[in-house]
Amino acid sequence: MLSYADLDPRKKAFIFELDNVIYPEKDYLLQVYYLFANFIEFAETFPSGKDLTDFLKMAYEHHGAQGLFDRAKEAFGLEEKYRENFNKLHYTARLPLKLLIFDKILTFLQEIIVDRKQLFLVTNGDPEVQLNKVRQIEWNGLENYLTVYFAQEIKPKPQTDTLEYILNQHLLHRKDIVIIGESEIDQEFAKAGGIDFISVFDILQ
């Protein structure tokens, strides 16, 4: 397991991705599916919210989020008009439960702040959806020290335009920064930018 104390103390800034790095993305998606299932039960009476929730959860765990509405539509005979509601919830959902940061990541983030280092979130994906997630994370006060960039508003990772912007805006050098992510895109982003990379799995293991 990698801890903050293991890192080069000369580092001045840390860049994190959001999904499956700060928190488990499934915690957001499963609540969105729960809200959708309850909306359908209210609108149509069939299927029950529980049955549809269970189906969406199982389908997501086996096949991922791609094409999930189509699977539910086929299984339960949902009308096409509900696709818009399903998609819109990803942007607007007010979750029943706050999204919780991975315990080890929370400790890591807190140690960064105590050490007076800079903390950035650079996330791919639709900015509105990602912002909706950010707003519903239990940050434990860390939000006061966090600067968020939605890469799509500049250029999606692994393109390094967002990184270059951070370097210029915050007067940082490449050697000052560590990027923490979980995907090949994050690795490519770090490599293309000449920045040290840490896999989040090294922290979470």
C-alpha atoms as a PDB file:
ATOM      1  CA  MET A   1       0.000   0.000   0.000  1.00  0.00           C
ATOM      2  CA  LEU A   2       1.256   3.459  -0.928  1.00  0.00           C
ATOM      3  CA  SER A   3       0.813   6.234   1.637  1.00  0.00           C
ATOM      4  CA  TYR A   4       1.304   9.963   1.404  1.00  0.00           C
ATOM      5  CA  ALA A   5       4.446   9.680   3.546  1.00  0.00           C
ATOM      6  CA  ASP A   6       6.022   7.525   0.814  1.00  0.00           C
ATOM      7  CA  LEU A   7       5.959  10.344  -1.735  1.00  0.00           C
ATOM      8  CA  ASP A   8       8.662  12.841  -2.635  1.00  0.00           C
ATOM      9  CA  PRO A   9       8.149  15.730  -0.174  1.00  0.00           C
ATOM     10  CA  ARG A  10       9.229  18.181  -2.867  1.00  0.00           C
ATOM     11  CA  LYS A  11       5.975  17.649  -4.777  1.00  0.00           C
ATOM     12  CA  LYS A  12       3.759  20.728  -4.597  1.00  0.00           C
ATOM     13  CA  ALA A  13       0.496  19.691  -6.258  1.00  0.00           C
ATOM     14  CA  PHE A  14      -1.707  16.643  -6.824  1.00  0.00           C
ATOM     15  CA  ILE A  15      -4.169  16.099  -9.668  1.00  0.00           C
ATOM     16  CA  PHE A  16      -6.939  13.524  -9.186  1.00  0.00           C
ATOM     17  CA  GLU A  17      -9.564  12.090 -11.508  1.00  0.00           C
ATOM     18  CA  LEU A  18     -13.058  11.809  -9.982  1.00  0.00           C
ATOM     19  CA  ASP A  19     -14.849   8.550 -10.839  1.00  0.00           C
ATOM     20  CA  ASN A  20     -13.403   5.451  -9.166  1.00  0.00           C
ATOM     21  CA  VAL A  21     -10.501   7.524  -7.854  1.00  0.00           C
ATOM     22  CA  ILE A  22     -12.117   9.839  -5.306  1.00  0.00           C
ATOM     23  CA  TYR A  23     -15.228   7.681  -4.839  1.00  0.00           C
ATOM     24  CA  PRO A  24     -16.773   4.565  -6.449  1.00  0.00           C
ATOM     25  CA  GLU A  25     -18.810   5.683  -9.470  1.00  0.00           C
ATOM     26  CA  LYS A  26     -21.309   2.861  -8.947  1.00  0.00           C
ATOM     27  CA  ASP A  27     -22.475   4.652  -5.774  1.00  0.00           C
ATOM     28  CA  TYR A  28     -23.744   7.467  -7.982  1.00  0.00           C
ATOM     29  CA  LEU A  29     -25.151   5.365 -10.801  1.00  0.00           C
ATOM     30  CA  LEU A  30     -27.044   2.905  -8.602  1.00  0.00           C
ATOM     31  CA  GLN A  31     -28.797   5.785  -6.844  1.00  0.00           C
ATOM     32  CA  VAL A  32     -29.715   7.286 -10.230  1.00  0.00           C
ATOM     33  CA  TYR A  33     -31.176   3.925 -11.259  1.00  0.00           C
ATOM     34  CA  TYR A  34     -33.095   3.709  -7.977  1.00  0.00           C
ATOM     35  CA  LEU A  35     -34.624   7.141  -8.577  1.00  0.00           C
ATOM     36  CA  PHE A  36     -35.537   6.229 -12.144  1.00  0.00           C
ATOM     37  CA  ALA A  37     -37.157   2.964 -11.065  1.00  0.00           C
ATOM     38  CA  ASN A  38     -39.276   4.763  -8.497  1.00  0.00           C
ATOM     39  CA  PHE A  39     -40.284   7.365 -11.078  1.00  0.00           C
ATOM     40  CA  ILE A  40     -41.438   4.587 -13.419  1.00  0.00           C
ATOM     41  CA  GLU A  41     -43.406   2.890 -10.644  1.00  0.00           C
ATOM     42  CA  PHE A  42     -45.154   6.184  -9.902  1.00  0.00           C
ATOM     43  CA  ALA A  43     -45.848   6.894 -13.600  1.00  0.00           C
ATOM     44  CA  GLU A  44     -46.876   3.405 -14.741  1.00  0.00           C
ATOM     45  CA  THR A  45     -47.494   1.285 -11.587  1.00  0.00           C
ATOM     46  CA  PHE A  46     -45.609  -1.525 -13.395  1.00  0.00           C
ATOM     47  CA  PRO A  47     -42.920  -2.658 -12.943  1.00  0.00           C
ATOM     48  CA  SER A  48     -42.446  -2.202  -9.220  1.00  0.00           C
ATOM     49  CA  GLY A  49     -39.646   0.094  -8.177  1.00  0.00           C
ATOM     50  CA  LYS A  50     -37.867  -2.770  -6.473  1.00  0.00           C
ATOM     51  CA  ASP A  51     -38.040  -5.088  -9.477  1.00  0.00           C
ATOM     52  CA  LEU A  52     -36.716  -2.436 -11.853  1.00  0.00           C
ATOM     53  CA  THR A  53     -34.030  -1.324  -9.400  1.00  0.00           C
ATOM     54  CA  ASP A  54     -32.864  -4.910  -8.965  1.00  0.00           C
ATOM     55  CA  PHE A  55     -32.805  -5.424 -12.728  1.00  0.00           C
ATOM     56  CA  LEU A  56     -30.855  -2.230 -13.403  1.00  0.00           C
ATOM     57  CA  LYS A  57     -28.361  -3.070 -10.666  1.00  0.00           C
ATOM     58  CA  MET A  58     -27.779  -6.583 -11.999  1.00  0.00           C
ATOM     59  CA  ALA A  59     -27.556  -5.422 -15.622  1.00  0.00           C
ATOM     60  CA  TYR A  60     -25.083  -2.688 -14.664  1.00  0.00           C
ATOM     61  CA  GLU A  61     -22.898  -5.099 -12.705  1.00  0.00           C
ATOM     62  CA  HIS A  62     -22.819  -7.590 -15.584  1.00  0.00           C
ATOM     63  CA  HIS A  63     -22.754  -5.309 -18.634  1.00  0.00           C
ATOM     64  CA  GLY A  64     -21.898  -1.790 -17.447  1.00  0.00           C
ATOM     65  CA  ALA A  65     -23.834   1.425 -17.974  1.00  0.00           C
ATOM     66  CA  GLN A  66     -23.776   1.354 -21.772  1.00  0.00           C
ATOM     67  CA  GLY A  67     -27.143   0.418 -23.262  1.00  0.00           C
ATOM     68  CA  LEU A  68     -28.759   0.011 -19.860  1.00  0.00           C
ATOM     69  CA  PHE A  69     -32.026   1.747 -20.743  1.00  0.00           C
ATOM     70  CA  ASP A  70     -32.387  -0.464 -23.815  1.00  0.00           C
ATOM     71  CA  ARG A  71     -32.023  -3.575 -21.659  1.00  0.00           C
ATOM     72  CA  ALA A  72     -34.694  -2.335 -19.252  1.00  0.00           C
ATOM     73  CA  LYS A  73     -36.939  -1.277 -22.126  1.00  0.00           C
ATOM     74  CA  GLU A  74     -36.787  -4.759 -23.610  1.00  0.00           C
ATOM     75  CA  ALA A  75     -37.196  -6.571 -20.299  1.00  0.00           C
ATOM     76  CA  PHE A  76     -40.141  -4.530 -19.004  1.00  0.00           C
ATOM     77  CA  GLY A  77     -41.665  -3.019 -22.134  1.00  0.00           C
ATOM     78  CA  LEU A  78     -40.821   0.534 -21.105  1.00  0.00           C
ATOM     79  CA  GLU A  79     -41.945   3.252 -23.477  1.00  0.00           C
ATOM     80  CA  GLU A  80     -39.269   5.053 -25.478  1.00  0.00           C
ATOM     81  CA  LYS A  81     -40.433   8.389 -24.060  1.00  0.00           C
ATOM     82  CA  TYR A  82     -38.819   7.452 -20.713  1.00  0.00           C
ATOM     83  CA  ARG A  83     -35.331   7.406 -22.207  1.00  0.00           C
ATOM     84  CA  GLU A  84     -35.193  11.176 -21.797  1.00  0.00           C
ATOM     85  CA  ASN A  85     -36.079  10.877 -18.093  1.00  0.00           C
ATOM     86  CA  PHE A  86     -33.408   8.214 -17.635  1.00  0.00           C
ATOM     87  CA  ASN A  87     -30.721  10.317 -19.303  1.00  0.00           C
ATOM     88  CA  LYS A  88     -31.779  13.540 -17.590  1.00  0.00           C
ATOM     89  CA  LEU A  89     -31.474  12.007 -14.128  1.00  0.00           C
ATOM     90  CA  HIS A  90     -27.724  11.603 -14.667  1.00  0.00           C
ATOM     91  CA  TYR A  91     -27.538  15.410 -14.861  1.00  0.00           C
ATOM     92  CA  THR A  92     -30.089  16.412 -12.264  1.00  0.00           C
ATOM     93  CA  ALA A  93     -30.475  13.608  -9.703  1.00  0.00           C
ATOM     94  CA  ARG A  94     -30.623  14.663  -6.071  1.00  0.00           C
ATOM     95  CA  LEU A  95     -29.341  11.555  -4.396  1.00  0.00           C
ATOM     96  CA  PRO A  96     -30.927  10.007  -1.294  1.00  0.00           C
ATOM     97  CA  LEU A  97     -27.428   9.426   0.132  1.00  0.00           C
ATOM     98  CA  LYS A  98     -24.240  11.470  -0.037  1.00  0.00           C
ATOM     99  CA  LEU A  99     -21.367  10.009  -2.039  1.00  0.00           C
ATOM    100  CA  LEU A 100     -18.549   8.931   0.260  1.00  0.00           C
ATOM    101  CA  ILE A 101     -14.859   9.219  -0.565  1.00  0.00           C
ATOM    102  CA  PHE A 102     -12.793   6.021  -0.361  1.00  0.00           C
ATOM    103  CA  ASP A 103     -11.431   5.915   3.206  1.00  0.00           C
ATOM    104  CA  LYS A 104      -7.777   5.677   2.174  1.00  0.00           C
ATOM    105  CA  ILE A 105      -8.208   8.442  -0.391  1.00  0.00           C
ATOM    106  CA  LEU A 106      -9.845  10.684   2.201  1.00  0.00           C
ATOM    107  CA  THR A 107      -6.844  10.214   4.485  1.00  0.00           C
ATOM    108  CA  PHE A 108      -4.508  10.861   1.540  1.00  0.00           C
ATOM    109  CA  LEU A 109      -6.350  14.068   0.613  1.00  0.00           C
ATOM    110  CA  GLN A 110      -6.355  15.308   4.196  1.00  0.00           C
ATOM    111  CA  GLU A 111      -2.608  14.741   4.456  1.00  0.00           C
ATOM    112  CA  ILE A 112      -2.067  16.732   1.254  1.00  0.00           C
ATOM    113  CA  ILE A 113      -3.953  19.680   2.712  1.00  0.00           C
ATOM    114  CA  VAL A 114      -2.258  19.482   6.118  1.00  0.00           C
ATOM    115  CA  ASP A 115       1.065  19.540   4.254  1.00  0.00           C
ATOM    116  CA  ARG A 116      -0.121  22.709   2.474  1.00  0.00           C
ATOM    117  CA  LYS A 117       0.103  21.261  -1.010  1.00  0.00           C
ATOM    118  CA  GLN A 118      -2.250  22.179  -3.859  1.00  0.00           C
ATOM    119  CA  LEU A 119      -5.135  19.874  -4.732  1.00  0.00           C
ATOM    120  CA  PHE A 120      -6.794  19.665  -8.156  1.00  0.00           C
ATOM    121  CA  LEU A 121      -9.590  17.608  -9.656  1.00  0.00           C
ATOM    122  CA  VAL A 122      -9.345  17.164 -13.434  1.00  0.00           C
ATOM    123  CA  THR A 123     -12.189  15.021 -14.668  1.00  0.00           C
ATOM    124  CA  ASN A 124     -13.271  13.797 -18.085  1.00  0.00           C
ATOM    125  CA  GLY A 125     -16.899  13.321 -19.034  1.00  0.00           C
ATOM    126  CA  ASP A 126     -19.872  15.620 -19.439  1.00  0.00           C
ATOM    127  CA  PRO A 127     -19.229  18.687 -17.251  1.00  0.00           C
ATOM    128  CA  GLU A 128     -22.854  18.889 -16.050  1.00  0.00           C
ATOM    129  CA  VAL A 129     -22.926  15.255 -14.982  1.00  0.00           C
ATOM    130  CA  GLN A 130     -19.528  15.494 -13.311  1.00  0.00           C
ATOM    131  CA  LEU A 131     -20.534  18.688 -11.493  1.00  0.00           C
ATOM    132  CA  ASN A 132     -23.672  16.983 -10.204  1.00  0.00           C
ATOM    133  CA  LYS A 133     -21.460  14.257  -8.742  1.00  0.00           C
ATOM    134  CA  VAL A 134     -18.979  16.727  -7.221  1.00  0.00           C
ATOM    135  CA  ARG A 135     -21.784  18.609  -5.483  1.00  0.00           C
ATOM    136  CA  GLN A 136     -23.068  15.449  -3.794  1.00  0.00           C
ATOM    137  CA  ILE A 137     -19.802  14.091  -2.435  1.00  0.00           C
ATOM    138  CA  GLU A 138     -19.232  14.340   1.306  1.00  0.00           C
ATOM    139  CA  TRP A 139     -15.973  16.301   1.088  1.00  0.00           C
ATOM    140  CA  ASN A 140     -15.458  16.686   4.841  1.00  0.00           C
ATOM    141  CA  GLY A 141     -14.340  20.299   4.356  1.00  0.00           C
ATOM    142  CA  LEU A 142     -11.860  19.478   1.578  1.00  0.00           C
ATOM    143  CA  GLU A 143     -13.964  21.382  -0.939  1.00  0.00           C
ATOM    144  CA  ASN A 144     -12.476  24.583   0.475  1.00  0.00           C
ATOM    145  CA  TYR A 145      -9.035  23.517  -0.772  1.00  0.00           C
ATOM    146  CA  LEU A 146     -10.020  21.843  -4.034  1.00  0.00           C
ATOM    147  CA  THR A 147      -9.807  23.393  -7.512  1.00  0.00           C
ATOM    148  CA  VAL A 148     -11.952  21.583 -10.089  1.00  0.00           C
ATOM    149  CA  TYR A 149     -11.399  21.499 -13.844  1.00  0.00           C
ATOM    150  CA  PHE A 150     -13.724  19.813 -16.324  1.00  0.00           C
ATOM    151  CA  ALA A 151     -11.345  18.687 -19.050  1.00  0.00           C
ATOM    152  CA  GLN A 152     -14.046  18.668 -21.726  1.00  0.00           C
ATOM    153  CA  GLU A 153     -14.377  22.452 -21.351  1.00  0.00           C
ATOM    154  CA  ILE A 154     -10.763  22.773 -22.520  1.00  0.00           C
ATOM    155  CA  LYS A 155      -9.871  19.472 -24.227  1.00  0.00           C
ATOM    156  CA  PRO A 156     -10.559  15.958 -22.900  1.00  0.00           C
ATOM    157  CA  LYS A 157      -7.764  13.850 -21.477  1.00  0.00           C
ATOM    158  CA  PRO A 158      -5.381  12.402 -22.566  1.00  0.00           C
ATOM    159  CA  GLN A 159      -4.839  15.687 -24.416  1.00  0.00           C
ATOM    160  CA  THR A 160      -2.712  17.836 -22.115  1.00  0.00           C
ATOM    161  CA  ASP A 161      -4.340  21.229 -22.686  1.00  0.00           C
ATOM    162  CA  THR A 162      -5.926  21.248 -19.208  1.00  0.00           C
ATOM    163  CA  LEU A 163      -2.574  20.365 -17.666  1.00  0.00           C
ATOM    164  CA  GLU A 164      -0.846  23.199 -19.523  1.00  0.00           C
ATOM    165  CA  TYR A 165      -3.559  25.549 -18.274  1.00  0.00           C
ATOM    166  CA  ILE A 166      -2.969  24.472 -14.661  1.00  0.00           C
ATOM    167  CA  LEU A 167       0.789  24.892 -15.004  1.00  0.00           C
ATOM    168  CA  ASN A 168       0.352  28.437 -16.295  1.00  0.00           C
ATOM    169  CA  GLN A 169      -2.453  29.520 -13.977  1.00  0.00           C
ATOM    170  CA  HIS A 170      -0.875  28.163 -10.799  1.00  0.00           C
ATOM    171  CA  LEU A 171       2.791  28.823 -11.612  1.00  0.00           C
ATOM    172  CA  LEU A 172       3.762  25.164 -11.307  1.00  0.00           C
ATOM    173  CA  HIS A 173       6.466  23.099 -13.000  1.00  0.00           C
ATOM    174  CA  ARG A 174       5.984  19.558 -14.280  1.00  0.00           C
ATOM    175  CA  LYS A 175       8.319  18.150 -11.645  1.00  0.00           C
ATOM    176  CA  ASP A 176       6.085  19.666  -8.948  1.00  0.00           C
ATOM    177  CA  ILE A 177       3.028  17.567  -9.815  1.00  0.00           C
ATOM    178  CA  VAL A 178       1.698  14.045  -9.312  1.00  0.00           C
ATOM    179  CA  ILE A 179      -1.315  12.722 -11.232  1.00  0.00           C
ATOM    180  CA  ILE A 180      -3.464  10.083  -9.533  1.00  0.00           C
ATOM    181  CA  GLY A 181      -5.901   8.077 -11.648  1.00  0.00           C
ATOM    182  CA  GLU A 182      -7.127   4.591 -12.504  1.00  0.00           C
ATOM    183  CA  SER A 183      -7.499   4.405 -16.268  1.00  0.00           C
ATOM    184  CA  GLU A 184      -5.203   4.107 -19.274  1.00  0.00           C
ATOM    185  CA  ILE A 185      -6.378   7.574 -20.256  1.00  0.00           C
ATOM    186  CA  ASP A 186      -5.011   8.977 -16.994  1.00  0.00           C
ATOM    187  CA  GLN A 187      -1.720   7.186 -17.552  1.00  0.00           C
ATOM    188  CA  GLU A 188      -1.483   8.554 -21.092  1.00  0.00           C
ATOM    189  CA  PHE A 189      -2.391  12.026 -19.801  1.00  0.00           C
ATOM    190  CA  ALA A 190       0.460  11.921 -17.292  1.00  0.00           C
ATOM    191  CA  LYS A 191       2.959  10.456 -19.752  1.00  0.00           C
ATOM    192  CA  ALA A 192       2.111  12.957 -22.488  1.00  0.00           C
ATOM    193  CA  GLY A 193       2.466  15.796 -20.014  1.00  0.00           C
ATOM    194  CA  GLY A 194       5.736  14.568 -18.543  1.00  0.00           C
ATOM    195  CA  ILE A 195       4.158  14.193 -15.085  1.00  0.00           C
ATOM    196  CA  ASP A 196       4.657  11.458 -12.473  1.00  0.00           C
ATOM    197  CA  PHE A 197       1.700   9.072 -12.283  1.00  0.00           C
ATOM    198  CA  ILE A 198       0.314   6.999  -9.412  1.00  0.00           C
ATOM    199  CA  SER A 199      -2.373   4.367  -9.873  1.00  0.00           C
ATOM    200  CA  VAL A 200      -5.130   4.792  -7.313  1.00  0.00           C
ATOM    201  CA  PHE A 201      -5.038   1.025  -6.805  1.00  0.00           C
ATOM    202  CA  ASP A 202      -1.602   1.422  -5.183  1.00  0.00           C
ATOM    203  CA  ILE A 203      -3.248   3.594  -2.537  1.00  0.00           C
ATOM    204  CA  LEU A 204      -6.421   1.540  -2.124  1.00  0.00           C
ATOM    205  CA  GLN A 205      -4.867  -1.928  -1.937  1.00  0.00           C
END
